Structure formats: structure tokens, C-alpha cells
Amino acid sequence: MYKMATRQVRLREDHHQFVKDEAYALSGLVQNAIDEMIEGDREPPSDANRPTEGHKLTRTSVSITDEHDDFIASHDFTFSVLVHQLIEERIELERKLREDR
């Protein structure tokens, strides 16, 4: 059984609301993305910052396994940028799905 670590992240309020409205498990999205990075199917984000200017931020926590936490610590990327990119990807996917209806 995995032990869980918790990482704090500040989300843009619109991202936080999207996650709540769509009933996404943010921790699950992040864990899946880190698994993809570990397996070499996804590149870690190269950006060090995410666009937050003009947005209110909401602090939340993301649960990850110790293996994921070790991976993050041993690779040079900004965790909050990863979370931001994942939410942006999901928003874009939802937009495309709505257009196809």
C-alpha cells in the first residue's frame, strides 16, 4: 500500500471552480500525469511560471504517493505549473467535446 504525501498548490479561482463543477479528482489527474512522466509518455513542464496575473488564487492540496513525491523532488519542474497545465488541458478537452455535440 502506498503512503500518501500532500502537496499544497494555489490554483487560479477559475481553475478551482472548473475542477469543482466538473467533479474531477484533482489528485487523480495529477497522479496519472506523473505516472505518464515516469513511464516516459509525458514530458515534465519546462515553464517555471504559470499565468496568474489578474486572477484570484485559491489554495488547495493534492494527494500524491511517496513515489510521485520522490519523482517530483528528483526532477527539475514546478509542481504548480504541472497542475495548471493539466487543468488547462482538461478545460480544452471539455470545450472540444461540447463543440462536437
PDB file of N, CA and C in Angstrom:
ATOM      1  N   MET A   1       0.842  -1.183   0.000  1.00  0.00           N
ATOM      2  CA  MET A   1       0.000   0.000   0.000  1.00  0.00           C
ATOM      3  C   MET A   1       0.888   1.248   0.000  1.00  0.00           C
ATOM      4  N   TYR A   2       0.496   2.225  -0.788  1.00  0.00           N
ATOM      5  CA  TYR A   2       1.261   3.460  -0.883  1.00  0.00           C
ATOM      6  C   TYR A   2       0.928   4.391   0.266  1.00  0.00           C
ATOM      7  N   LYS A   3       1.942   5.058   0.737  1.00  0.00           N
ATOM      8  CA  LYS A   3       1.743   6.136   1.694  1.00  0.00           C
ATOM      9  C   LYS A   3       1.511   7.400   0.870  1.00  0.00           C
ATOM     10  N   MET A   4       0.621   8.259   1.304  1.00  0.00           N
ATOM     11  CA  MET A   4       0.283   9.450   0.538  1.00  0.00           C
ATOM     12  C   MET A   4       0.973  10.681   1.114  1.00  0.00           C
ATOM     13  N   ALA A   5       1.501  11.483   0.220  1.00  0.00           N
ATOM     14  CA  ALA A   5       2.067  12.781   0.572  1.00  0.00           C
ATOM     15  C   ALA A   5       1.068  13.838   0.104  1.00  0.00           C
ATOM     16  N   THR A   6       1.145  15.003   0.679  1.00  0.00           N
ATOM     17  CA  THR A   6       0.257  16.096   0.282  1.00  0.00           C
ATOM     18  C   THR A   6       1.110  17.266  -0.169  1.00  0.00           C
ATOM     19  N   ARG A   7       0.761  17.796  -1.321  1.00  0.00           N
ATOM     20  CA  ARG A   7       1.429  18.992  -1.854  1.00  0.00           C
ATOM     21  C   ARG A   7       0.406  20.112  -1.906  1.00  0.00           C
ATOM     22  N   GLN A   8       0.799  21.262  -1.422  1.00  0.00           N
ATOM     23  CA  GLN A   8      -0.051  22.446  -1.485  1.00  0.00           C
ATOM     24  C   GLN A   8       0.161  23.136  -2.827  1.00  0.00           C
ATOM     25  N   VAL A   9      -0.919  23.630  -3.398  1.00  0.00           N
ATOM     26  CA  VAL A   9      -0.835  24.352  -4.658  1.00  0.00           C
ATOM     27  C   VAL A   9      -1.883  25.456  -4.640  1.00  0.00           C
ATOM     28  N   ARG A  10      -1.531  26.568  -5.239  1.00  0.00           N
ATOM     29  CA  ARG A  10      -2.502  27.661  -5.386  1.00  0.00           C
ATOM     30  C   ARG A  10      -3.021  27.632  -6.808  1.00  0.00           C
ATOM     31  N   LEU A  11      -4.328  27.437  -6.928  1.00  0.00           N
ATOM     32  CA  LEU A  11      -4.976  27.398  -8.232  1.00  0.00           C
ATOM     33  C   LEU A  11      -5.622  28.738  -8.525  1.00  0.00           C
ATOM     34  N   ARG A  12      -5.666  29.073  -9.803  1.00  0.00           N
ATOM     35  CA  ARG A  12      -6.486  30.208 -10.195  1.00  0.00           C
ATOM     36  C   ARG A  12      -7.915  29.865  -9.812  1.00  0.00           C
ATOM     37  N   GLU A  13      -8.665  30.869  -9.377  1.00  0.00           N
ATOM     38  CA  GLU A  13     -10.033  30.626  -8.930  1.00  0.00           C
ATOM     39  C   GLU A  13     -10.889  29.980 -10.024  1.00  0.00           C
ATOM     40  N   ASP A  14     -10.687  30.384 -11.286  1.00  0.00           N
ATOM     41  CA  ASP A  14     -11.474  29.787 -12.365  1.00  0.00           C
ATOM     42  C   ASP A  14     -11.115  28.311 -12.554  1.00  0.00           C
ATOM     43  N   HIS A  15      -9.865  27.953 -12.349  1.00  0.00           N
ATOM     44  CA  HIS A  15      -9.459  26.552 -12.430  1.00  0.00           C
ATOM     45  C   HIS A  15     -10.048  25.759 -11.277  1.00  0.00           C
ATOM     46  N   HIS A  16     -10.000  26.332 -10.095  1.00  0.00           N
ATOM     47  CA  HIS A  16     -10.553  25.671  -8.914  1.00  0.00           C
ATOM     48  C   HIS A  16     -12.046  25.411  -9.113  1.00  0.00           C
ATOM     49  N   GLN A  17     -12.742  26.402  -9.632  1.00  0.00           N
ATOM     50  CA  GLN A  17     -14.186  26.262  -9.876  1.00  0.00           C
ATOM     51  C   GLN A  17     -14.450  25.197 -10.939  1.00  0.00           C
ATOM     52  N   PHE A  18     -13.653  25.150 -11.991  1.00  0.00           N
ATOM     53  CA  PHE A  18     -13.806  24.147 -13.035  1.00  0.00           C
ATOM     54  C   PHE A  18     -13.675  22.745 -12.453  1.00  0.00           C
ATOM     55  N   VAL A  19     -12.659  22.531 -11.644  1.00  0.00           N
ATOM     56  CA  VAL A  19     -12.441  21.217 -11.037  1.00  0.00           C
ATOM     57  C   VAL A  19     -13.645  20.838 -10.183  1.00  0.00           C
ATOM     58  N   LYS A  20     -14.157  21.788  -9.405  1.00  0.00           N
ATOM     59  CA  LYS A  20     -15.335  21.515  -8.575  1.00  0.00           C
ATOM     60  C   LYS A  20     -16.568  21.254  -9.427  1.00  0.00           C
ATOM     61  N   ASP A  21     -16.810  22.093 -10.428  1.00  0.00           N
ATOM     62  CA  ASP A  21     -18.008  21.968 -11.266  1.00  0.00           C
ATOM     63  C   ASP A  21     -18.026  20.656 -12.047  1.00  0.00           C
ATOM     64  N   GLU A  22     -16.880  20.231 -12.520  1.00  0.00           N
ATOM     65  CA  GLU A  22     -16.798  19.021 -13.340  1.00  0.00           C
ATOM     66  C   GLU A  22     -16.586  17.770 -12.486  1.00  0.00           C
ATOM     67  N   ALA A  23     -16.490  17.964 -11.182  1.00  0.00           N
ATOM     68  CA  ALA A  23     -16.318  16.859 -10.225  1.00  0.00           C
ATOM     69  C   ALA A  23     -15.081  16.010 -10.546  1.00  0.00           C
ATOM     70  N   TYR A  24     -14.010  16.686 -10.958  1.00  0.00           N
ATOM     71  CA  TYR A  24     -12.753  15.980 -11.206  1.00  0.00           C
ATOM     72  C   TYR A  24     -12.020  15.770  -9.894  1.00  0.00           C
ATOM     73  N   ALA A  25     -11.363  14.642  -9.794  1.00  0.00           N
ATOM     74  CA  ALA A  25     -10.483  14.383  -8.663  1.00  0.00           C
ATOM     75  C   ALA A  25      -9.104  14.905  -9.063  1.00  0.00           C
ATOM     76  N   LEU A  26      -8.766  16.085  -8.582  1.00  0.00           N
ATOM     77  CA  LEU A  26      -7.509  16.717  -8.963  1.00  0.00           C
ATOM     78  C   LEU A  26      -6.313  15.826  -8.642  1.00  0.00           C
ATOM     79  N   SER A  27      -6.349  15.197  -7.481  1.00  0.00           N
ATOM     80  CA  SER A  27      -5.236  14.318  -7.107  1.00  0.00           C
ATOM     81  C   SER A  27      -5.066  13.192  -8.118  1.00  0.00           C
ATOM     82  N   GLY A  28      -6.168  12.624  -8.580  1.00  0.00           N
ATOM     83  CA  GLY A  28      -6.104  11.552  -9.570  1.00  0.00           C
ATOM     84  C   GLY A  28      -5.529  12.025 -10.892  1.00  0.00           C
ATOM     85  N   LEU A  29      -5.942  13.219 -11.345  1.00  0.00           N
ATOM     86  CA  LEU A  29      -5.392  13.773 -12.587  1.00  0.00           C
ATOM     87  C   LEU A  29      -3.886  13.953 -12.479  1.00  0.00           C
ATOM     88  N   VAL A  30      -3.448  14.489 -11.342  1.00  0.00           N
ATOM     89  CA  VAL A  30      -2.017  14.739 -11.136  1.00  0.00           C
ATOM     90  C   VAL A  30      -1.253  13.418 -11.048  1.00  0.00           C
ATOM     91  N   GLN A  31      -1.782  12.459 -10.296  1.00  0.00           N
ATOM     92  CA  GLN A  31      -1.106  11.168 -10.167  1.00  0.00           C
ATOM     93  C   GLN A  31      -0.965  10.478 -11.523  1.00  0.00           C
ATOM     94  N   ASN A  32      -2.026  10.510 -12.332  1.00  0.00           N
ATOM     95  CA  ASN A  32      -1.957   9.901 -13.669  1.00  0.00           C
ATOM     96  C   ASN A  32      -0.897  10.583 -14.537  1.00  0.00           C
ATOM     97  N   ALA A  33      -0.834  11.902 -14.472  1.00  0.00           N
ATOM     98  CA  ALA A  33       0.155  12.638 -15.267  1.00  0.00           C
ATOM     99  C   ALA A  33       1.574  12.307 -14.819  1.00  0.00           C
ATOM    100  N   ILE A  34       1.788  12.195 -13.517  1.00  0.00           N
ATOM    101  CA  ILE A  34       3.135  11.850 -13.026  1.00  0.00           C
ATOM    102  C   ILE A  34       3.486  10.428 -13.438  1.00  0.00           C
ATOM    103  N   ASP A  35       2.505   9.516 -13.400  1.00  0.00           N
ATOM    104  CA  ASP A  35       2.752   8.155 -13.894  1.00  0.00           C
ATOM    105  C   ASP A  35       3.198   8.198 -15.356  1.00  0.00           C
ATOM    106  N   GLU A  36       2.537   9.036 -16.154  1.00  0.00           N
ATOM    107  CA  GLU A  36       2.913   9.172 -17.566  1.00  0.00           C
ATOM    108  C   GLU A  36       4.339   9.701 -17.705  1.00  0.00           C
ATOM    109  N   MET A  37       4.726  10.620 -16.827  1.00  0.00           N
ATOM    110  CA  MET A  37       6.098  11.138 -16.868  1.00  0.00           C
ATOM    111  C   MET A  37       7.094  10.042 -16.480  1.00  0.00           C
ATOM    112  N   ILE A  38       6.769   9.283 -15.453  1.00  0.00           N
ATOM    113  CA  ILE A  38       7.648   8.201 -15.011  1.00  0.00           C
ATOM    114  C   ILE A  38       7.835   7.185 -16.135  1.00  0.00           C
ATOM    115  N   GLU A  39       6.748   6.899 -16.865  1.00  0.00           N
ATOM    116  CA  GLU A  39       6.795   5.919 -17.954  1.00  0.00           C
ATOM    117  C   GLU A  39       7.372   6.500 -19.241  1.00  0.00           C
ATOM    118  N   GLY A  40       7.632   7.799 -19.265  1.00  0.00           N
ATOM    119  CA  GLY A  40       8.206   8.441 -20.434  1.00  0.00           C
ATOM    120  C   GLY A  40       7.190   8.852 -21.485  1.00  0.00           C
ATOM    121  N   ASP A  41       5.904   8.810 -21.141  1.00  0.00           N
ATOM    122  CA  ASP A  41       4.844   9.171 -22.087  1.00  0.00           C
ATOM    123  C   ASP A  41       4.469  10.651 -22.037  1.00  0.00           C
ATOM    124  N   ARG A  42       5.003  11.383 -21.084  1.00  0.00           N
ATOM    125  CA  ARG A  42       4.725  12.816 -20.936  1.00  0.00           C
ATOM    126  C   ARG A  42       5.994  13.488 -20.465  1.00  0.00           C
ATOM    127  N   GLU A  43       6.237  14.658 -21.011  1.00  0.00           N
ATOM    128  CA  GLU A  43       7.392  15.450 -20.584  1.00  0.00           C
ATOM    129  C   GLU A  43       7.000  16.320 -19.392  1.00  0.00           C
ATOM    130  N   PRO A  44       7.888  16.464 -18.433  1.00  0.00           N
ATOM    131  CA  PRO A  44       7.608  17.424 -17.356  1.00  0.00           C
ATOM    132  C   PRO A  44       7.513  18.830 -17.940  1.00  0.00           C
ATOM    133  N   PRO A  45       6.751  19.704 -17.317  1.00  0.00           N
ATOM    134  CA  PRO A  45       6.649  21.069 -17.839  1.00  0.00           C
ATOM    135  C   PRO A  45       8.001  21.769 -17.791  1.00  0.00           C
ATOM    136  N   SER A  46       8.270  22.542 -18.829  1.00  0.00           N
ATOM    137  CA  SER A  46       9.546  23.257 -18.876  1.00  0.00           C
ATOM    138  C   SER A  46       9.409  24.683 -18.357  1.00  0.00           C
ATOM    139  N   ASP A  47       8.182  25.180 -18.313  1.00  0.00           N
ATOM    140  CA  ASP A  47       7.967  26.535 -17.805  1.00  0.00           C
ATOM    141  C   ASP A  47       8.140  26.572 -16.291  1.00  0.00           C
ATOM    142  N   ALA A  48       8.628  27.696 -15.803  1.00  0.00           N
ATOM    143  CA  ALA A  48       8.795  27.861 -14.360  1.00  0.00           C
ATOM    144  C   ALA A  48       7.639  28.646 -13.747  1.00  0.00           C
ATOM    145  N   ASN A  49       6.873  29.314 -14.594  1.00  0.00           N
ATOM    146  CA  ASN A  49       5.760  30.121 -14.094  1.00  0.00           C
ATOM    147  C   ASN A  49       4.504  29.790 -14.880  1.00  0.00           C
ATOM    148  N   ARG A  50       3.371  30.130 -14.291  1.00  0.00           N
ATOM    149  CA  ARG A  50       2.095  29.968 -14.970  1.00  0.00           C
ATOM    150  C   ARG A  50       1.375  31.295 -14.948  1.00  0.00           C
ATOM    151  N   PRO A  51       0.510  31.549 -15.918  1.00  0.00           N
ATOM    152  CA  PRO A  51      -0.169  32.850 -15.957  1.00  0.00           C
ATOM    153  C   PRO A  51      -1.213  32.972 -14.842  1.00  0.00           C
ATOM    154  N   THR A  52      -0.951  33.867 -13.914  1.00  0.00           N
ATOM    155  CA  THR A  52      -1.902  34.093 -12.816  1.00  0.00           C
ATOM    156  C   THR A  52      -2.269  35.564 -12.676  1.00  0.00           C
ATOM    157  N   GLU A  53      -1.626  36.417 -13.448  1.00  0.00           N
ATOM    158  CA  GLU A  53      -1.887  37.848 -13.325  1.00  0.00           C
ATOM    159  C   GLU A  53      -3.365  38.135 -13.556  1.00  0.00           C
ATOM    160  N   GLY A  54      -3.944  38.910 -12.661  1.00  0.00           N
ATOM    161  CA  GLY A  54      -5.342  39.282 -12.777  1.00  0.00           C
ATOM    162  C   GLY A  54      -6.308  38.223 -12.267  1.00  0.00           C
ATOM    163  N   HIS A  55      -5.797  37.134 -11.731  1.00  0.00           N
ATOM    164  CA  HIS A  55      -6.640  36.054 -11.215  1.00  0.00           C
ATOM    165  C   HIS A  55      -6.483  35.949  -9.705  1.00  0.00           C
ATOM    166  N   LYS A  56      -7.597  35.721  -9.026  1.00  0.00           N
ATOM    167  CA  LYS A  56      -7.518  35.384  -7.607  1.00  0.00           C
ATOM    168  C   LYS A  56      -7.061  33.943  -7.512  1.00  0.00           C
ATOM    169  N   LEU A  57      -6.310  33.639  -6.463  1.00  0.00           N
ATOM    170  CA  LEU A  57      -5.786  32.290  -6.270  1.00  0.00           C
ATOM    171  C   LEU A  57      -6.425  31.642  -5.056  1.00  0.00           C
ATOM    172  N   THR A  58      -6.641  30.351  -5.158  1.00  0.00           N
ATOM    173  CA  THR A  58      -7.219  29.561  -4.076  1.00  0.00           C
ATOM    174  C   THR A  58      -6.247  28.443  -3.736  1.00  0.00           C
ATOM    175  N   ARG A  59      -5.950  28.314  -2.460  1.00  0.00           N
ATOM    176  CA  ARG A  59      -5.022  27.263  -2.022  1.00  0.00           C
ATOM    177  C   ARG A  59      -5.797  25.960  -1.844  1.00  0.00           C
ATOM    178  N   THR A  60      -5.194  24.894  -2.355  1.00  0.00           N
ATOM    179  CA  THR A  60      -5.781  23.564  -2.176  1.00  0.00           C
ATOM    180  C   THR A  60      -4.650  22.563  -2.040  1.00  0.00           C
ATOM    181  N   SER A  61      -4.979  21.338  -1.693  1.00  0.00           N
ATOM    182  CA  SER A  61      -3.948  20.313  -1.582  1.00  0.00           C
ATOM    183  C   SER A  61      -4.204  19.187  -2.567  1.00  0.00           C
ATOM    184  N   VAL A  62      -3.117  18.584  -2.978  1.00  0.00           N
ATOM    185  CA  VAL A  62      -3.146  17.467  -3.913  1.00  0.00           C
ATOM    186  C   VAL A  62      -2.435  16.303  -3.233  1.00  0.00           C
ATOM    187  N   SER A  63      -3.113  15.171  -3.162  1.00  0.00           N
ATOM    188  CA  SER A  63      -2.506  13.972  -2.572  1.00  0.00           C
ATOM    189  C   SER A  63      -1.787  13.192  -3.655  1.00  0.00           C
ATOM    190  N   ILE A  64      -0.564  12.812  -3.350  1.00  0.00           N
ATOM    191  CA  ILE A  64       0.237  12.004  -4.271  1.00  0.00           C
ATOM    192  C   ILE A  64       0.943  10.926  -3.460  1.00  0.00           C
ATOM    193  N   THR A  65       1.364   9.880  -4.140  1.00  0.00           N
ATOM    194  CA  THR A  65       2.094   8.820  -3.438  1.00  0.00           C
ATOM    195  C   THR A  65       3.510   9.285  -3.133  1.00  0.00           C
ATOM    196  N   ASP A  66       4.160   8.572  -2.235  1.00  0.00           N
ATOM    197  CA  ASP A  66       5.559   8.880  -1.939  1.00  0.00           C
ATOM    198  C   ASP A  66       6.429   8.710  -3.190  1.00  0.00           C
ATOM    199  N   GLU A  67       6.083   7.727  -4.029  1.00  0.00           N
ATOM    200  CA  GLU A  67       6.836   7.518  -5.278  1.00  0.00           C
ATOM    201  C   GLU A  67       6.721   8.756  -6.178  1.00  0.00           C
ATOM    202  N   HIS A  68       5.518   9.316  -6.263  1.00  0.00           N
ATOM    203  CA  HIS A  68       5.315  10.531  -7.058  1.00  0.00           C
ATOM    204  C   HIS A  68       6.076  11.700  -6.447  1.00  0.00           C
ATOM    205  N   ASP A  69       6.013  11.810  -5.134  1.00  0.00           N
ATOM    206  CA  ASP A  69       6.705  12.893  -4.434  1.00  0.00           C
ATOM    207  C   ASP A  69       8.220  12.803  -4.674  1.00  0.00           C
ATOM    208  N   ASP A  70       8.763  11.586  -4.626  1.00  0.00           N
ATOM    209  CA  ASP A  70      10.189  11.381  -4.900  1.00  0.00           C
ATOM    210  C   ASP A  70      10.531  11.764  -6.336  1.00  0.00           C
ATOM    211  N   PHE A  71       9.642  11.403  -7.274  1.00  0.00           N
ATOM    212  CA  PHE A  71       9.871  11.751  -8.674  1.00  0.00           C
ATOM    213  C   PHE A  71       9.923  13.265  -8.849  1.00  0.00           C
ATOM    214  N   ILE A  72       8.972  13.965  -8.238  1.00  0.00           N
ATOM    215  CA  ILE A  72       8.938  15.428  -8.334  1.00  0.00           C
ATOM    216  C   ILE A  72      10.227  16.017  -7.766  1.00  0.00           C
ATOM    217  N   ALA A  73      10.637  15.508  -6.609  1.00  0.00           N
ATOM    218  CA  ALA A  73      11.834  16.039  -5.951  1.00  0.00           C
ATOM    219  C   ALA A  73      13.098  15.790  -6.771  1.00  0.00           C
ATOM    220  N   SER A  74      13.105  14.722  -7.552  1.00  0.00           N
ATOM    221  CA  SER A  74      14.319  14.384  -8.296  1.00  0.00           C
ATOM    222  C   SER A  74      14.337  14.951  -9.722  1.00  0.00           C
ATOM    223  N   HIS A  75      13.275  15.657 -10.107  1.00  0.00           N
ATOM    224  CA  HIS A  75      13.214  16.253 -11.441  1.00  0.00           C
ATOM    225  C   HIS A  75      12.978  17.752 -11.309  1.00  0.00           C
ATOM    226  N   ASP A  76      13.543  18.470 -12.220  1.00  0.00           N
ATOM    227  CA  ASP A  76      13.510  19.931 -12.138  1.00  0.00           C
ATOM    228  C   ASP A  76      12.301  20.496 -12.883  1.00  0.00           C
ATOM    229  N   PHE A  77      11.142  20.497 -12.213  1.00  0.00           N
ATOM    230  CA  PHE A  77       9.965  21.161 -12.764  1.00  0.00           C
ATOM    231  C   PHE A  77       9.134  21.729 -11.629  1.00  0.00           C
ATOM    232  N   THR A  78       8.314  22.691 -11.971  1.00  0.00           N
ATOM    233  CA  THR A  78       7.488  23.374 -10.976  1.00  0.00           C
ATOM    234  C   THR A  78       6.138  22.671 -10.886  1.00  0.00           C
ATOM    235  N   PHE A  79       5.836  22.153  -9.707  1.00  0.00           N
ATOM    236  CA  PHE A  79       4.617  21.374  -9.484  1.00  0.00           C
ATOM    237  C   PHE A  79       3.362  22.162  -9.849  1.00  0.00           C
ATOM    238  N   SER A  80       3.298  23.420  -9.445  1.00  0.00           N
ATOM    239  CA  SER A  80       2.105  24.222  -9.722  1.00  0.00           C
ATOM    240  C   SER A  80       1.898  24.426 -11.222  1.00  0.00           C
ATOM    241  N   VAL A  81       2.979  24.469 -11.988  1.00  0.00           N
ATOM    242  CA  VAL A  81       2.866  24.591 -13.447  1.00  0.00           C
ATOM    243  C   VAL A  81       2.263  23.311 -14.018  1.00  0.00           C
ATOM    244  N   LEU A  82       2.685  22.157 -13.512  1.00  0.00           N
ATOM    245  CA  LEU A  82       2.107  20.894 -13.951  1.00  0.00           C
ATOM    246  C   LEU A  82       0.600  20.886 -13.703  1.00  0.00           C
ATOM    247  N   VAL A  83       0.188  21.250 -12.507  1.00  0.00           N
ATOM    248  CA  VAL A  83      -1.240  21.247 -12.163  1.00  0.00           C
ATOM    249  C   VAL A  83      -1.990  22.208 -13.075  1.00  0.00           C
ATOM    250  N   HIS A  84      -1.431  23.383 -13.285  1.00  0.00           N
ATOM    251  CA  HIS A  84      -2.055  24.375 -14.168  1.00  0.00           C
ATOM    252  C   HIS A  84      -2.229  23.800 -15.577  1.00  0.00           C
ATOM    253  N   GLN A  85      -1.183  23.186 -16.115  1.00  0.00           N
ATOM    254  CA  GLN A  85      -1.252  22.625 -17.466  1.00  0.00           C
ATOM    255  C   GLN A  85      -2.296  21.521 -17.560  1.00  0.00           C
ATOM    256  N   LEU A  86      -2.383  20.680 -16.544  1.00  0.00           N
ATOM    257  CA  LEU A  86      -3.367  19.598 -16.553  1.00  0.00           C
ATOM    258  C   LEU A  86      -4.792  20.139 -16.591  1.00  0.00           C
ATOM    259  N   ILE A  87      -5.048  21.162 -15.798  1.00  0.00           N
ATOM    260  CA  ILE A  87      -6.386  21.748 -15.780  1.00  0.00           C
ATOM    261  C   ILE A  87      -6.674  22.418 -17.121  1.00  0.00           C
ATOM    262  N   GLU A  88      -5.701  23.136 -17.665  1.00  0.00           N
ATOM    263  CA  GLU A  88      -5.889  23.760 -18.977  1.00  0.00           C
ATOM    264  C   GLU A  88      -6.184  22.711 -20.046  1.00  0.00           C
ATOM    265  N   GLU A  89      -5.464  21.593 -20.019  1.00  0.00           N
ATOM    266  CA  GLU A  89      -5.711  20.510 -20.979  1.00  0.00           C
ATOM    267  C   GLU A  89      -7.135  19.982 -20.836  1.00  0.00           C
ATOM    268  N   ARG A  90      -7.578  19.810 -19.606  1.00  0.00           N
ATOM    269  CA  ARG A  90      -8.915  19.270 -19.347  1.00  0.00           C
ATOM    270  C   ARG A  90      -9.991  20.255 -19.790  1.00  0.00           C
ATOM    271  N   ILE A  91      -9.768  21.541 -19.550  1.00  0.00           N
ATOM    272  CA  ILE A  91     -10.711  22.577 -19.999  1.00  0.00           C
ATOM    273  C   ILE A  91     -10.828  22.547 -21.516  1.00  0.00           C
ATOM    274  N   GLU A  92      -9.698  22.440 -22.201  1.00  0.00           N
ATOM    275  CA  GLU A  92      -9.696  22.400 -23.666  1.00  0.00           C
ATOM    276  C   GLU A  92     -10.413  21.146 -24.168  1.00  0.00           C
ATOM    277  N   LEU A  93     -10.175  20.014 -23.544  1.00  0.00           N
ATOM    278  CA  LEU A  93     -10.845  18.776 -23.926  1.00  0.00           C
ATOM    279  C   LEU A  93     -12.360  18.903 -23.758  1.00  0.00           C
ATOM    280  N   GLU A  94     -12.788  19.452 -22.639  1.00  0.00           N
ATOM    281  CA  GLU A  94     -14.224  19.643 -22.393  1.00  0.00           C
ATOM    282  C   GLU A  94     -14.829  20.590 -23.430  1.00  0.00           C
ATOM    283  N   ARG A  95     -14.097  21.633 -23.788  1.00  0.00           N
ATOM    284  CA  ARG A  95     -14.582  22.579 -24.795  1.00  0.00           C
ATOM    285  C   ARG A  95     -14.776  21.874 -26.132  1.00  0.00           C
ATOM    286  N   LYS A  96     -13.800  21.067 -26.534  1.00  0.00           N
ATOM    287  CA  LYS A  96     -13.893  20.341 -27.803  1.00  0.00           C
ATOM    288  C   LYS A  96     -15.046  19.338 -27.782  1.00  0.00           C
ATOM    289  N   LEU A  97     -15.235  18.669 -26.670  1.00  0.00           N
ATOM    290  CA  LEU A  97     -16.342  17.718 -26.567  1.00  0.00           C
ATOM    291  C   LEU A  97     -17.698  18.416 -26.700  1.00  0.00           C
ATOM    292  N   ARG A  98     -17.814  19.590 -26.102  1.00  0.00           N
ATOM    293  CA  ARG A  98     -19.073  20.352 -26.209  1.00  0.00           C
ATOM    294  C   ARG A  98     -19.316  20.800 -27.648  1.00  0.00           C
ATOM    295  N   GLU A  99     -18.252  21.189 -28.345  1.00  0.00           N
ATOM    296  CA  GLU A  99     -18.388  21.624 -29.743  1.00  0.00           C
ATOM    297  C   GLU A  99     -18.829  20.478 -30.644  1.00  0.00           C
ATOM    298  N   ASP A 100     -18.401  19.263 -30.330  1.00  0.00           N
ATOM    299  CA  ASP A 100     -18.729  18.112 -31.154  1.00  0.00           C
ATOM    300  C   ASP A 100     -20.161  17.614 -30.969  1.00  0.00           C
ATOM    301  N   ARG A 101     -20.842  18.119 -29.982  1.00  0.00           N
ATOM    302  CA  ARG A 101     -22.217  17.662 -29.725  1.00  0.00           C
ATOM    303  C   ARG A 101     -23.191  18.278 -30.669  1.00  0.00           C
TER     304      ARG A 101
END
